[in-house]
């Protein structure tokens, strides 16, 4: 087989974060995730964080939703990270900056990675 794993070695967990965006806020949301100290820079600094793919879907009615596909070394690493996102004091600046970009609470799922295939 020519298939190769997309996920890095020892990557045993995945997460999917779905964020409904406020109208016209997709560019702001992307910029914050890329540039803010508590965006993906913070996430990547956490134990077990591997990589992240971010996309934005635009529905027929114009509403936009951000999707973040994440690879982590272990589910426990992700669970520990998610707990820090619930720390209101730690997240005060992030929540103030990112809050206006969202139209509702995120949907967050994490689960074991079973396998990957790729044409790459």
PDB file of N, CA and C in Angstrom:
ATOM      1  N   UNK A   1       0.837  -1.192   0.000  1.00  0.00           N
ATOM      2  CA  UNK A   1       0.000   0.000   0.000  1.00  0.00           C
ATOM      3  C   UNK A   1       0.875   1.246   0.000  1.00  0.00           C
ATOM      4  N   UNK A   2       0.466   2.233  -0.776  1.00  0.00           N
ATOM      5  CA  UNK A   2       1.178   3.505  -0.799  1.00  0.00           C
ATOM      6  C   UNK A   2       0.611   4.500   0.205  1.00  0.00           C
ATOM      7  N   UNK A   3      -0.422   4.092   0.938  1.00  0.00           N
ATOM      8  CA  UNK A   3      -1.032   5.008   1.907  1.00  0.00           C
ATOM      9  C   UNK A   3      -0.032   5.326   3.007  1.00  0.00           C
ATOM     10  N   UNK A   4      -0.015   6.555   3.417  1.00  0.00           N
ATOM     11  CA  UNK A   4       0.811   6.941   4.554  1.00  0.00           C
ATOM     12  C   UNK A   4      -0.070   7.697   5.542  1.00  0.00           C
ATOM     13  N   UNK A   5       0.332   7.671   6.787  1.00  0.00           N
ATOM     14  CA  UNK A   5      -0.450   8.347   7.818  1.00  0.00           C
ATOM     15  C   UNK A   5      -0.380   9.853   7.619  1.00  0.00           C
ATOM     16  N   UNK A   6      -1.516  10.522   7.744  1.00  0.00           N
ATOM     17  CA  UNK A   6      -1.547  11.979   7.726  1.00  0.00           C
ATOM     18  C   UNK A   6      -1.102  12.519   9.078  1.00  0.00           C
ATOM     19  N   UNK A   7      -1.552  11.868  10.129  1.00  0.00           N
ATOM     20  CA  UNK A   7      -1.215  12.329  11.471  1.00  0.00           C
ATOM     21  C   UNK A   7       0.230  11.960  11.795  1.00  0.00           C
ATOM     22  N   UNK A   8       0.894  12.782  12.593  1.00  0.00           N
ATOM     23  CA  UNK A   8       2.262  12.469  12.994  1.00  0.00           C
ATOM     24  C   UNK A   8       2.315  11.200  13.838  1.00  0.00           C
ATOM     25  N   UNK A   9       3.509  10.617  13.980  1.00  0.00           N
ATOM     26  CA  UNK A   9       3.659   9.426  14.822  1.00  0.00           C
ATOM     27  C   UNK A   9       3.218   9.708  16.258  1.00  0.00           C
ATOM     28  N   UNK A  10       2.755   8.681  16.929  1.00  0.00           N
ATOM     29  CA  UNK A  10       2.338   8.790  18.328  1.00  0.00           C
ATOM     30  C   UNK A  10       1.201   9.785  18.534  1.00  0.00           C
ATOM     31  N   UNK A  11       0.419   9.990  17.496  1.00  0.00           N
ATOM     32  CA  UNK A  11      -0.723  10.889  17.582  1.00  0.00           C
ATOM     33  C   UNK A  11      -1.965  10.021  17.757  1.00  0.00           C
ATOM     34  N   UNK A  12      -2.435   9.936  18.986  1.00  0.00           N
ATOM     35  CA  UNK A  12      -3.486   8.984  19.320  1.00  0.00           C
ATOM     36  C   UNK A  12      -4.852   9.614  19.544  1.00  0.00           C
ATOM     37  N   UNK A  13      -4.935  10.942  19.468  1.00  0.00           N
ATOM     38  CA  UNK A  13      -6.198  11.614  19.753  1.00  0.00           C
ATOM     39  C   UNK A  13      -6.483  12.688  18.715  1.00  0.00           C
ATOM     40  N   UNK A  14      -7.766  12.925  18.516  1.00  0.00           N
ATOM     41  CA  UNK A  14      -8.221  13.979  17.610  1.00  0.00           C
ATOM     42  C   UNK A  14      -9.275  14.803  18.331  1.00  0.00           C
ATOM     43  N   UNK A  15      -9.430  16.043  17.886  1.00  0.00           N
ATOM     44  CA  UNK A  15     -10.518  16.877  18.385  1.00  0.00           C
ATOM     45  C   UNK A  15     -11.121  17.633  17.215  1.00  0.00           C
ATOM     46  N   UNK A  16     -12.403  17.929  17.347  1.00  0.00           N
ATOM     47  CA  UNK A  16     -13.116  18.755  16.383  1.00  0.00           C
ATOM     48  C   UNK A  16     -13.818  19.849  17.166  1.00  0.00           C
ATOM     49  N   UNK A  17     -13.515  21.099  16.819  1.00  0.00           N
ATOM     50  CA  UNK A  17     -14.143  22.252  17.454  1.00  0.00           C
ATOM     51  C   UNK A  17     -14.946  22.981  16.385  1.00  0.00           C
ATOM     52  N   UNK A  18     -16.224  23.222  16.660  1.00  0.00           N
ATOM     53  CA  UNK A  18     -17.124  23.882  15.718  1.00  0.00           C
ATOM     54  C   UNK A  18     -17.614  25.165  16.378  1.00  0.00           C
ATOM     55  N   UNK A  19     -17.336  26.307  15.738  1.00  0.00           N
ATOM     56  CA  UNK A  19     -17.648  27.604  16.333  1.00  0.00           C
ATOM     57  C   UNK A  19     -18.545  28.400  15.385  1.00  0.00           C
ATOM     58  N   UNK A  20     -19.799  28.671  15.777  1.00  0.00           N
ATOM     59  CA  UNK A  20     -20.647  29.536  14.956  1.00  0.00           C
ATOM     60  C   UNK A  20     -20.137  30.975  15.052  1.00  0.00           C
ATOM     61  N   UNK A  21     -19.909  31.598  13.905  1.00  0.00           N
ATOM     62  CA  UNK A  21     -19.323  32.935  13.887  1.00  0.00           C
ATOM     63  C   UNK A  21     -20.389  34.016  13.749  1.00  0.00           C
ATOM     64  N   UNK A  22     -20.120  35.147  14.390  1.00  0.00           N
ATOM     65  CA  UNK A  22     -20.990  36.308  14.245  1.00  0.00           C
ATOM     66  C   UNK A  22     -20.862  36.838  12.815  1.00  0.00           C
ATOM     67  N   UNK A  23     -21.916  37.461  12.299  1.00  0.00           N
ATOM     68  CA  UNK A  23     -21.879  37.953  10.910  1.00  0.00           C
ATOM     69  C   UNK A  23     -20.680  38.864  10.645  1.00  0.00           C
ATOM     70  N   UNK A  24     -19.960  38.568   9.571  1.00  0.00           N
ATOM     71  CA  UNK A  24     -18.839  39.397   9.148  1.00  0.00           C
ATOM     72  C   UNK A  24     -17.585  39.275   9.992  1.00  0.00           C
ATOM     73  N   UNK A  25     -17.530  38.297  10.889  1.00  0.00           N
ATOM     74  CA  UNK A  25     -16.402  38.208  11.826  1.00  0.00           C
ATOM     75  C   UNK A  25     -15.395  37.104  11.503  1.00  0.00           C
ATOM     76  N   UNK A  26     -15.541  36.425  10.362  1.00  0.00           N
ATOM     77  CA  UNK A  26     -14.641  35.308  10.059  1.00  0.00           C
ATOM     78  C   UNK A  26     -13.181  35.755   9.989  1.00  0.00           C
ATOM     79  N   UNK A  27     -12.912  36.854   9.291  1.00  0.00           N
ATOM     80  CA  UNK A  27     -11.524  37.311   9.156  1.00  0.00           C
ATOM     81  C   UNK A  27     -10.927  37.676  10.516  1.00  0.00           C
ATOM     82  N   UNK A  28     -11.730  38.338  11.355  1.00  0.00           N
ATOM     83  CA  UNK A  28     -11.260  38.691  12.696  1.00  0.00           C
ATOM     84  C   UNK A  28     -10.964  37.436  13.508  1.00  0.00           C
ATOM     85  N   UNK A  29     -11.847  36.448  13.420  1.00  0.00           N
ATOM     86  CA  UNK A  29     -11.669  35.207  14.179  1.00  0.00           C
ATOM     87  C   UNK A  29     -10.389  34.498  13.751  1.00  0.00           C
ATOM     88  N   UNK A  30     -10.162  34.422  12.441  1.00  0.00           N
ATOM     89  CA  UNK A  30      -8.951  33.777  11.921  1.00  0.00           C
ATOM     90  C   UNK A  30      -7.707  34.517  12.398  1.00  0.00           C
ATOM     91  N   UNK A  31      -7.728  35.844  12.306  1.00  0.00           N
ATOM     92  CA  UNK A  31      -6.574  36.641  12.731  1.00  0.00           C
ATOM     93  C   UNK A  31      -6.278  36.423  14.213  1.00  0.00           C
ATOM     94  N   UNK A  32      -7.323  36.378  15.033  1.00  0.00           N
ATOM     95  CA  UNK A  32      -7.108  36.153  16.463  1.00  0.00           C
ATOM     96  C   UNK A  32      -6.502  34.783  16.717  1.00  0.00           C
ATOM     97  N   UNK A  33      -7.024  33.749  16.069  1.00  0.00           N
ATOM     98  CA  UNK A  33      -6.462  32.414  16.271  1.00  0.00           C
ATOM     99  C   UNK A  33      -4.999  32.374  15.848  1.00  0.00           C
ATOM    100  N   UNK A  34      -4.639  33.075  14.781  1.00  0.00           N
ATOM    101  CA  UNK A  34      -3.264  33.041  14.283  1.00  0.00           C
ATOM    102  C   UNK A  34      -2.319  33.900  15.113  1.00  0.00           C
ATOM    103  N   UNK A  35      -2.783  35.063  15.564  1.00  0.00           N
ATOM    104  CA  UNK A  35      -1.876  36.081  16.091  1.00  0.00           C
ATOM    105  C   UNK A  35      -1.961  36.324  17.594  1.00  0.00           C
ATOM    106  N   UNK A  36      -3.114  36.125  18.203  1.00  0.00           N
ATOM    107  CA  UNK A  36      -3.283  36.424  19.629  1.00  0.00           C
ATOM    108  C   UNK A  36      -2.491  35.417  20.466  1.00  0.00           C
ATOM    109  N   UNK A  37      -1.878  35.906  21.537  1.00  0.00           N
ATOM    110  CA  UNK A  37      -1.064  35.022  22.393  1.00  0.00           C
ATOM    111  C   UNK A  37      -1.875  33.867  22.976  1.00  0.00           C
ATOM    112  N   UNK A  38      -3.180  34.064  23.147  1.00  0.00           N
ATOM    113  CA  UNK A  38      -4.019  33.012  23.718  1.00  0.00           C
ATOM    114  C   UNK A  38      -4.804  32.254  22.646  1.00  0.00           C
ATOM    115  N   UNK A  39      -4.469  32.491  21.389  1.00  0.00           N
ATOM    116  CA  UNK A  39      -5.066  31.729  20.300  1.00  0.00           C
ATOM    117  C   UNK A  39      -4.310  30.419  20.114  1.00  0.00           C
ATOM    118  N   UNK A  40      -3.973  30.106  18.856  1.00  0.00           N
ATOM    119  CA  UNK A  40      -3.296  28.834  18.602  1.00  0.00           C
ATOM    120  C   UNK A  40      -1.862  28.802  19.127  1.00  0.00           C
ATOM    121  N   UNK A  41      -1.253  29.970  19.359  1.00  0.00           N
ATOM    122  CA  UNK A  41       0.074  29.979  19.993  1.00  0.00           C
ATOM    123  C   UNK A  41      -0.018  29.326  21.373  1.00  0.00           C
ATOM    124  N   UNK A  42      -1.065  29.688  22.104  1.00  0.00           N
ATOM    125  CA  UNK A  42      -1.278  29.088  23.423  1.00  0.00           C
ATOM    126  C   UNK A  42      -1.557  27.595  23.287  1.00  0.00           C
ATOM    127  N   UNK A  43      -2.465  27.247  22.380  1.00  0.00           N
ATOM    128  CA  UNK A  43      -2.839  25.843  22.221  1.00  0.00           C
ATOM    129  C   UNK A  43      -1.618  24.996  21.871  1.00  0.00           C
ATOM    130  N   UNK A  44      -0.790  25.480  20.936  1.00  0.00           N
ATOM    131  CA  UNK A  44       0.397  24.726  20.526  1.00  0.00           C
ATOM    132  C   UNK A  44       1.407  24.566  21.655  1.00  0.00           C
ATOM    133  N   UNK A  45       1.362  25.449  22.646  1.00  0.00           N
ATOM    134  CA  UNK A  45       2.305  25.367  23.768  1.00  0.00           C
ATOM    135  C   UNK A  45       1.904  24.294  24.779  1.00  0.00           C
ATOM    136  N   UNK A  46       0.707  23.738  24.629  1.00  0.00           N
ATOM    137  CA  UNK A  46       0.202  22.777  25.610  1.00  0.00           C
ATOM    138  C   UNK A  46       0.781  21.385  25.373  1.00  0.00           C
ATOM    139  N   UNK A  47       0.946  20.628  26.456  1.00  0.00           N
ATOM    140  CA  UNK A  47       1.464  19.264  26.375  1.00  0.00           C
ATOM    141  C   UNK A  47       0.589  18.435  25.441  1.00  0.00           C
ATOM    142  N   UNK A  48       1.231  17.784  24.475  1.00  0.00           N
ATOM    143  CA  UNK A  48       0.523  16.866  23.591  1.00  0.00           C
ATOM    144  C   UNK A  48      -0.075  17.482  22.348  1.00  0.00           C
ATOM    145  N   UNK A  49      -0.029  18.805  22.214  1.00  0.00           N
ATOM    146  CA  UNK A  49      -0.578  19.453  21.019  1.00  0.00           C
ATOM    147  C   UNK A  49       0.307  19.136  19.821  1.00  0.00           C
ATOM    148  N   UNK A  50      -0.291  18.752  18.685  1.00  0.00           N
ATOM    149  CA  UNK A  50       0.489  18.376  17.509  1.00  0.00           C
ATOM    150  C   UNK A  50       0.241  19.327  16.347  1.00  0.00           C
ATOM    151  N   UNK A  51      -0.961  19.325  15.788  1.00  0.00           N
ATOM    152  CA  UNK A  51      -1.232  20.221  14.669  1.00  0.00           C
ATOM    153  C   UNK A  51      -2.719  20.532  14.569  1.00  0.00           C
ATOM    154  N   UNK A  52      -3.004  21.584  13.780  1.00  0.00           N
ATOM    155  CA  UNK A  52      -4.353  22.133  13.705  1.00  0.00           C
ATOM    156  C   UNK A  52      -4.646  22.561  12.277  1.00  0.00           C
ATOM    157  N   UNK A  53      -5.825  22.214  11.794  1.00  0.00           N
ATOM    158  CA  UNK A  53      -6.321  22.703  10.506  1.00  0.00           C
ATOM    159  C   UNK A  53      -7.568  23.517  10.787  1.00  0.00           C
ATOM    160  N   UNK A  54      -7.612  24.739  10.249  1.00  0.00           N
ATOM    161  CA  UNK A  54      -8.735  25.641  10.491  1.00  0.00           C
ATOM    162  C   UNK A  54      -9.415  25.953   9.166  1.00  0.00           C
ATOM    163  N   UNK A  55     -10.734  25.819   9.138  1.00  0.00           N
ATOM    164  CA  UNK A  55     -11.511  26.156   7.950  1.00  0.00           C
ATOM    165  C   UNK A  55     -12.757  26.920   8.339  1.00  0.00           C
ATOM    166  N   UNK A  56     -13.319  27.640   7.374  1.00  0.00           N
ATOM    167  CA  UNK A  56     -14.571  28.372   7.591  1.00  0.00           C
ATOM    168  C   UNK A  56     -15.544  28.016   6.483  1.00  0.00           C
ATOM    169  N   UNK A  57     -16.705  27.531   6.886  1.00  0.00           N
ATOM    170  CA  UNK A  57     -17.784  27.195   5.946  1.00  0.00           C
ATOM    171  C   UNK A  57     -18.767  28.359   5.901  1.00  0.00           C
ATOM    172  N   UNK A  58     -19.180  28.739   4.687  1.00  0.00           N
ATOM    173  CA  UNK A  58     -20.230  29.740   4.520  1.00  0.00           C
ATOM    174  C   UNK A  58     -21.482  29.043   4.003  1.00  0.00           C
ATOM    175  N   UNK A  59     -22.558  29.140   4.757  1.00  0.00           N
ATOM    176  CA  UNK A  59     -23.822  28.503   4.389  1.00  0.00           C
ATOM    177  C   UNK A  59     -24.562  29.354   3.356  1.00  0.00           C
ATOM    178  N   UNK A  60     -25.608  28.769   2.767  1.00  0.00           N
ATOM    179  CA  UNK A  60     -26.386  29.495   1.758  1.00  0.00           C
ATOM    180  C   UNK A  60     -26.945  30.802   2.296  1.00  0.00           C
ATOM    181  N   UNK A  61     -27.296  30.830   3.585  1.00  0.00           N
ATOM    182  CA  UNK A  61     -27.857  32.060   4.171  1.00  0.00           C
ATOM    183  C   UNK A  61     -26.777  33.068   4.555  1.00  0.00           C
ATOM    184  N   UNK A  62     -25.509  32.734   4.265  1.00  0.00           N
ATOM    185  CA  UNK A  62     -24.408  33.644   4.548  1.00  0.00           C
ATOM    186  C   UNK A  62     -23.783  33.455   5.918  1.00  0.00           C
ATOM    187  N   UNK A  63     -24.424  32.686   6.780  1.00  0.00           N
ATOM    188  CA  UNK A  63     -23.842  32.447   8.105  1.00  0.00           C
ATOM    189  C   UNK A  63     -22.560  31.633   7.955  1.00  0.00           C
ATOM    190  N   UNK A  64     -21.626  31.876   8.866  1.00  0.00           N
ATOM    191  CA  UNK A  64     -20.323  31.225   8.771  1.00  0.00           C
ATOM    192  C   UNK A  64     -20.003  30.448  10.039  1.00  0.00           C
ATOM    193  N   UNK A  65     -19.325  29.329   9.845  1.00  0.00           N
ATOM    194  CA  UNK A  65     -18.943  28.447  10.940  1.00  0.00           C
ATOM    195  C   UNK A  65     -17.476  28.089  10.786  1.00  0.00           C
ATOM    196  N   UNK A  66     -16.727  28.212  11.871  1.00  0.00           N
ATOM    197  CA  UNK A  66     -15.320  27.823  11.882  1.00  0.00           C
ATOM    198  C   UNK A  66     -15.209  26.381  12.363  1.00  0.00           C
ATOM    199  N   UNK A  67     -14.371  25.610  11.683  1.00  0.00           N
ATOM    200  CA  UNK A  67     -14.081  24.228  12.060  1.00  0.00           C
ATOM    201  C   UNK A  67     -12.589  24.107  12.321  1.00  0.00           C
ATOM    202  N   UNK A  68     -12.237  23.509  13.448  1.00  0.00           N
ATOM    203  CA  UNK A  68     -10.832  23.281  13.768  1.00  0.00           C
ATOM    204  C   UNK A  68     -10.643  21.781  13.984  1.00  0.00           C
ATOM    205  N   UNK A  69      -9.831  21.162  13.112  1.00  0.00           N
ATOM    206  CA  UNK A  69      -9.476  19.755  13.244  1.00  0.00           C
ATOM    207  C   UNK A  69      -8.118  19.695  13.932  1.00  0.00           C
ATOM    208  N   UNK A  70      -8.033  18.953  15.016  1.00  0.00           N
ATOM    209  CA  UNK A  70      -6.831  18.952  15.839  1.00  0.00           C
ATOM    210  C   UNK A  70      -6.296  17.533  16.027  1.00  0.00           C
ATOM    211  N   UNK A  71      -4.974  17.418  16.035  1.00  0.00           N
ATOM    212  CA  UNK A  71      -4.311  16.161  16.410  1.00  0.00           C
ATOM    213  C   UNK A  71      -3.564  16.391  17.722  1.00  0.00           C
ATOM    214  N   UNK A  72      -3.705  15.442  18.627  1.00  0.00           N
ATOM    215  CA  UNK A  72      -3.045  15.476  19.935  1.00  0.00           C
ATOM    216  C   UNK A  72      -2.386  14.129  20.181  1.00  0.00           C
ATOM    217  N   UNK A  73      -1.338  14.132  21.016  1.00  0.00           N
ATOM    218  CA  UNK A  73      -0.682  12.857  21.322  1.00  0.00           C
ATOM    219  C   UNK A  73      -1.619  11.927  22.075  1.00  0.00           C
ATOM    220  N   UNK A  74      -2.324  12.437  23.080  1.00  0.00           N
ATOM    221  CA  UNK A  74      -3.203  11.591  23.893  1.00  0.00           C
ATOM    222  C   UNK A  74      -4.487  12.345  24.221  1.00  0.00           C
ATOM    223  N   UNK A  75      -5.573  11.607  24.401  1.00  0.00           N
ATOM    224  CA  UNK A  75      -6.832  12.229  24.814  1.00  0.00           C
ATOM    225  C   UNK A  75      -6.679  12.981  26.132  1.00  0.00           C
ATOM    226  N   UNK A  76      -5.900  12.433  27.062  1.00  0.00           N
ATOM    227  CA  UNK A  76      -5.708  13.089  28.360  1.00  0.00           C
ATOM    228  C   UNK A  76      -5.057  14.459  28.198  1.00  0.00           C
ATOM    229  N   UNK A  77      -4.165  14.601  27.209  1.00  0.00           N
ATOM    230  CA  UNK A  77      -3.542  15.899  26.941  1.00  0.00           C
ATOM    231  C   UNK A  77      -4.609  16.911  26.536  1.00  0.00           C
ATOM    232  N   UNK A  78      -5.509  16.490  25.653  1.00  0.00           N
ATOM    233  CA  UNK A  78      -6.556  17.403  25.198  1.00  0.00           C
ATOM    234  C   UNK A  78      -7.495  17.758  26.345  1.00  0.00           C
ATOM    235  N   UNK A  79      -7.864  16.772  27.145  1.00  0.00           N
ATOM    236  CA  UNK A  79      -8.760  17.028  28.274  1.00  0.00           C
ATOM    237  C   UNK A  79      -8.146  18.046  29.235  1.00  0.00           C
ATOM    238  N   UNK A  80      -6.848  17.924  29.491  1.00  0.00           N
ATOM    239  CA  UNK A  80      -6.165  18.868  30.379  1.00  0.00           C
ATOM    240  C   UNK A  80      -6.156  20.265  29.763  1.00  0.00           C
ATOM    241  N   UNK A  81      -5.895  20.347  28.463  1.00  0.00           N
ATOM    242  CA  UNK A  81      -5.903  21.633  27.767  1.00  0.00           C
ATOM    243  C   UNK A  81      -7.280  22.280  27.824  1.00  0.00           C
ATOM    244  N   UNK A  82      -8.331  21.528  27.506  1.00  0.00           N
ATOM    245  CA  UNK A  82      -9.688  22.078  27.491  1.00  0.00           C
ATOM    246  C   UNK A  82     -10.045  22.664  28.857  1.00  0.00           C
ATOM    247  N   UNK A  83      -9.597  22.012  29.915  1.00  0.00           N
ATOM    248  CA  UNK A  83      -9.875  22.525  31.259  1.00  0.00           C
ATOM    249  C   UNK A  83      -9.291  23.923  31.444  1.00  0.00           C
ATOM    250  N   UNK A  84      -8.116  24.194  30.855  1.00  0.00           N
ATOM    251  CA  UNK A  84      -7.517  25.526  31.007  1.00  0.00           C
ATOM    252  C   UNK A  84      -8.330  26.577  30.261  1.00  0.00           C
ATOM    253  N   UNK A  85      -9.000  26.192  29.184  1.00  0.00           N
ATOM    254  CA  UNK A  85      -9.834  27.145  28.440  1.00  0.00           C
ATOM    255  C   UNK A  85     -11.057  27.575  29.249  1.00  0.00           C
ATOM    256  N   UNK A  86     -11.373  26.810  30.287  1.00  0.00           N
ATOM    257  CA  UNK A  86     -12.482  27.173  31.158  1.00  0.00           C
ATOM    258  C   UNK A  86     -12.093  28.086  32.311  1.00  0.00           C
ATOM    259  N   UNK A  87     -10.796  28.405  32.416  1.00  0.00           N
ATOM    260  CA  UNK A  87     -10.287  29.268  33.487  1.00  0.00           C
ATOM    261  C   UNK A  87     -10.540  30.723  33.102  1.00  0.00           C
ATOM    262  N   UNK A  88     -11.560  31.332  33.717  1.00  0.00           N
ATOM    263  CA  UNK A  88     -11.995  32.679  33.310  1.00  0.00           C
ATOM    264  C   UNK A  88     -10.891  33.718  33.482  1.00  0.00           C
ATOM    265  N   UNK A  89     -10.095  33.585  34.535  1.00  0.00           N
ATOM    266  CA  UNK A  89      -9.031  34.565  34.752  1.00  0.00           C
ATOM    267  C   UNK A  89      -7.948  34.424  33.683  1.00  0.00           C
ATOM    268  N   UNK A  90      -7.512  33.186  33.441  1.00  0.00           N
ATOM    269  CA  UNK A  90      -6.490  32.931  32.428  1.00  0.00           C
ATOM    270  C   UNK A  90      -6.958  33.390  31.046  1.00  0.00           C
ATOM    271  N   UNK A  91      -8.244  33.190  30.755  1.00  0.00           N
ATOM    272  CA  UNK A  91      -8.781  33.454  29.417  1.00  0.00           C
ATOM    273  C   UNK A  91      -9.421  34.834  29.282  1.00  0.00           C
ATOM    274  N   UNK A  92      -9.240  35.699  30.291  1.00  0.00           N
ATOM    275  CA  UNK A  92      -9.926  36.995  30.311  1.00  0.00           C
ATOM    276  C   UNK A  92      -9.685  37.800  29.036  1.00  0.00           C
ATOM    277  N   UNK A  93      -8.421  37.955  28.642  1.00  0.00           N
ATOM    278  CA  UNK A  93      -8.102  38.749  27.447  1.00  0.00           C
ATOM    279  C   UNK A  93      -8.607  38.066  26.184  1.00  0.00           C
ATOM    280  N   UNK A  94      -8.444  36.738  26.098  1.00  0.00           N
ATOM    281  CA  UNK A  94      -8.921  36.001  24.929  1.00  0.00           C
ATOM    282  C   UNK A  94     -10.435  36.116  24.802  1.00  0.00           C
ATOM    283  N   UNK A  95     -11.141  35.898  25.907  1.00  0.00           N
ATOM    284  CA  UNK A  95     -12.601  35.948  25.865  1.00  0.00           C
ATOM    285  C   UNK A  95     -13.089  37.330  25.429  1.00  0.00           C
ATOM    286  N   UNK A  96     -12.422  38.380  25.911  1.00  0.00           N
ATOM    287  CA  UNK A  96     -12.820  39.741  25.540  1.00  0.00           C
ATOM    288  C   UNK A  96     -12.591  39.993  24.053  1.00  0.00           C
ATOM    289  N   UNK A  97     -11.492  39.465  23.522  1.00  0.00           N
ATOM    290  CA  UNK A  97     -11.160  39.680  22.106  1.00  0.00           C
ATOM    291  C   UNK A  97     -11.998  38.793  21.193  1.00  0.00           C
ATOM    292  N   UNK A  98     -12.143  37.513  21.565  1.00  0.00           N
ATOM    293  CA  UNK A  98     -12.788  36.544  20.679  1.00  0.00           C
ATOM    294  C   UNK A  98     -14.305  36.533  20.831  1.00  0.00           C
ATOM    295  N   UNK A  99     -14.792  36.908  21.997  1.00  0.00           N
ATOM    296  CA  UNK A  99     -16.230  36.880  22.259  1.00  0.00           C
ATOM    297  C   UNK A  99     -17.085  37.531  21.181  1.00  0.00           C
ATOM    298  N   UNK A 100     -16.712  38.746  20.719  1.00  0.00           N
ATOM    299  CA  UNK A 100     -17.521  39.409  19.686  1.00  0.00           C
ATOM    300  C   UNK A 100     -17.532  38.676  18.341  1.00  0.00           C
ATOM    301  N   UNK A 101     -16.639  37.703  18.165  1.00  0.00           N
ATOM    302  CA  UNK A 101     -16.557  36.975  16.889  1.00  0.00           C
ATOM    303  C   UNK A 101     -17.526  35.796  16.824  1.00  0.00           C
ATOM    304  N   UNK A 102     -18.081  35.395  17.961  1.00  0.00           N
ATOM    305  CA  UNK A 102     -18.880  34.169  17.974  1.00  0.00           C
ATOM    306  C   UNK A 102     -20.368  34.456  18.096  1.00  0.00           C
ATOM    307  N   UNK A 103     -21.158  33.554  17.504  1.00  0.00           N
ATOM    308  CA  UNK A 103     -22.613  33.698  17.506  1.00  0.00           C
ATOM    309  C   UNK A 103     -23.280  32.738  18.484  1.00  0.00           C
ATOM    310  N   UNK A 104     -22.489  31.924  19.170  1.00  0.00           N
ATOM    311  CA  UNK A 104     -23.046  30.949  20.105  1.00  0.00           C
ATOM    312  C   UNK A 104     -21.934  30.100  20.665  1.00  0.00           C
ATOM    313  N   UNK A 105     -22.271  29.202  21.584  1.00  0.00           N
ATOM    314  CA  UNK A 105     -21.234  28.371  22.200  1.00  0.00           C
ATOM    315  C   UNK A 105     -20.627  27.393  21.204  1.00  0.00           C
ATOM    316  N   UNK A 106     -19.351  27.061  21.389  1.00  0.00           N
ATOM    317  CA  UNK A 106     -18.721  26.082  20.504  1.00  0.00           C
ATOM    318  C   UNK A 106     -19.218  24.674  20.799  1.00  0.00           C
ATOM    319  N   UNK A 107     -19.106  23.820  19.801  1.00  0.00           N
ATOM    320  CA  UNK A 107     -19.287  22.383  19.983  1.00  0.00           C
ATOM    321  C   UNK A 107     -17.897  21.772  19.970  1.00  0.00           C
ATOM    322  N   UNK A 108     -17.564  21.015  21.003  1.00  0.00           N
ATOM    323  CA  UNK A 108     -16.225  20.439  21.132  1.00  0.00           C
ATOM    324  C   UNK A 108     -16.352  18.933  21.329  1.00  0.00           C
ATOM    325  N   UNK A 109     -15.678  18.184  20.466  1.00  0.00           N
ATOM    326  CA  UNK A 109     -15.654  16.726  20.574  1.00  0.00           C
ATOM    327  C   UNK A 109     -14.202  16.277  20.553  1.00  0.00           C
ATOM    328  N   UNK A 110     -13.860  15.324  21.391  1.00  0.00           N
ATOM    329  CA  UNK A 110     -12.544  14.704  21.246  1.00  0.00           C
ATOM    330  C   UNK A 110     -12.678  13.210  21.400  1.00  0.00           C
ATOM    331  N   UNK A 111     -11.756  12.497  20.733  1.00  0.00           N
ATOM    332  CA  UNK A 111     -11.942  11.062  20.541  1.00  0.00           C
ATOM    333  C   UNK A 111     -10.631  10.434  20.091  1.00  0.00           C
ATOM    334  N   UNK A 112     -10.514   9.102  20.207  1.00  0.00           N
ATOM    335  CA  UNK A 112      -9.298   8.428  19.755  1.00  0.00           C
ATOM    336  C   UNK A 112      -9.171   8.473  18.230  1.00  0.00           C
ATOM    337  N   UNK A 113      -7.938   8.662  17.740  1.00  0.00           N
ATOM    338  CA  UNK A 113      -7.678   8.542  16.304  1.00  0.00           C
ATOM    339  C   UNK A 113      -7.514   7.065  15.985  1.00  0.00           C
ATOM    340  N   UNK A 114      -8.180   6.588  14.954  1.00  0.00           N
ATOM    341  CA  UNK A 114      -8.104   5.172  14.581  1.00  0.00           C
ATOM    342  C   UNK A 114      -7.098   4.924  13.459  1.00  0.00           C
ATOM    343  N   UNK A 115      -7.147   5.723  12.388  1.00  0.00           N
ATOM    344  CA  UNK A 115      -6.168   5.582  11.311  1.00  0.00           C
ATOM    345  C   UNK A 115      -6.274   6.793  10.398  1.00  0.00           C
ATOM    346  N   UNK A 116      -5.282   6.953   9.530  1.00  0.00           N
ATOM    347  CA  UNK A 116      -5.272   8.033   8.550  1.00  0.00           C
ATOM    348  C   UNK A 116      -4.809   7.489   7.211  1.00  0.00           C
ATOM    349  N   UNK A 117      -5.293   8.069   6.141  1.00  0.00           N
ATOM    350  CA  UNK A 117      -4.793   7.784   4.796  1.00  0.00           C
ATOM    351  C   UNK A 117      -4.577   9.107   4.084  1.00  0.00           C
ATOM    352  N   UNK A 118      -3.733   9.092   3.066  1.00  0.00           N
ATOM    353  CA  UNK A 118      -3.401  10.319   2.358  1.00  0.00           C
ATOM    354  C   UNK A 118      -2.875   9.996   0.970  1.00  0.00           C
ATOM    355  N   UNK A 119      -3.070  10.909   0.031  1.00  0.00           N
ATOM    356  CA  UNK A 119      -2.439  10.813  -1.285  1.00  0.00           C
ATOM    357  C   UNK A 119      -1.053  11.435  -1.276  1.00  0.00           C
ATOM    358  N   UNK A 120      -0.680  12.081  -0.162  1.00  0.00           N
ATOM    359  CA  UNK A 120       0.557  12.848  -0.098  1.00  0.00           C
ATOM    360  C   UNK A 120       1.804  12.015  -0.061  1.00  0.00           C
TER     361      UNK A 120
END
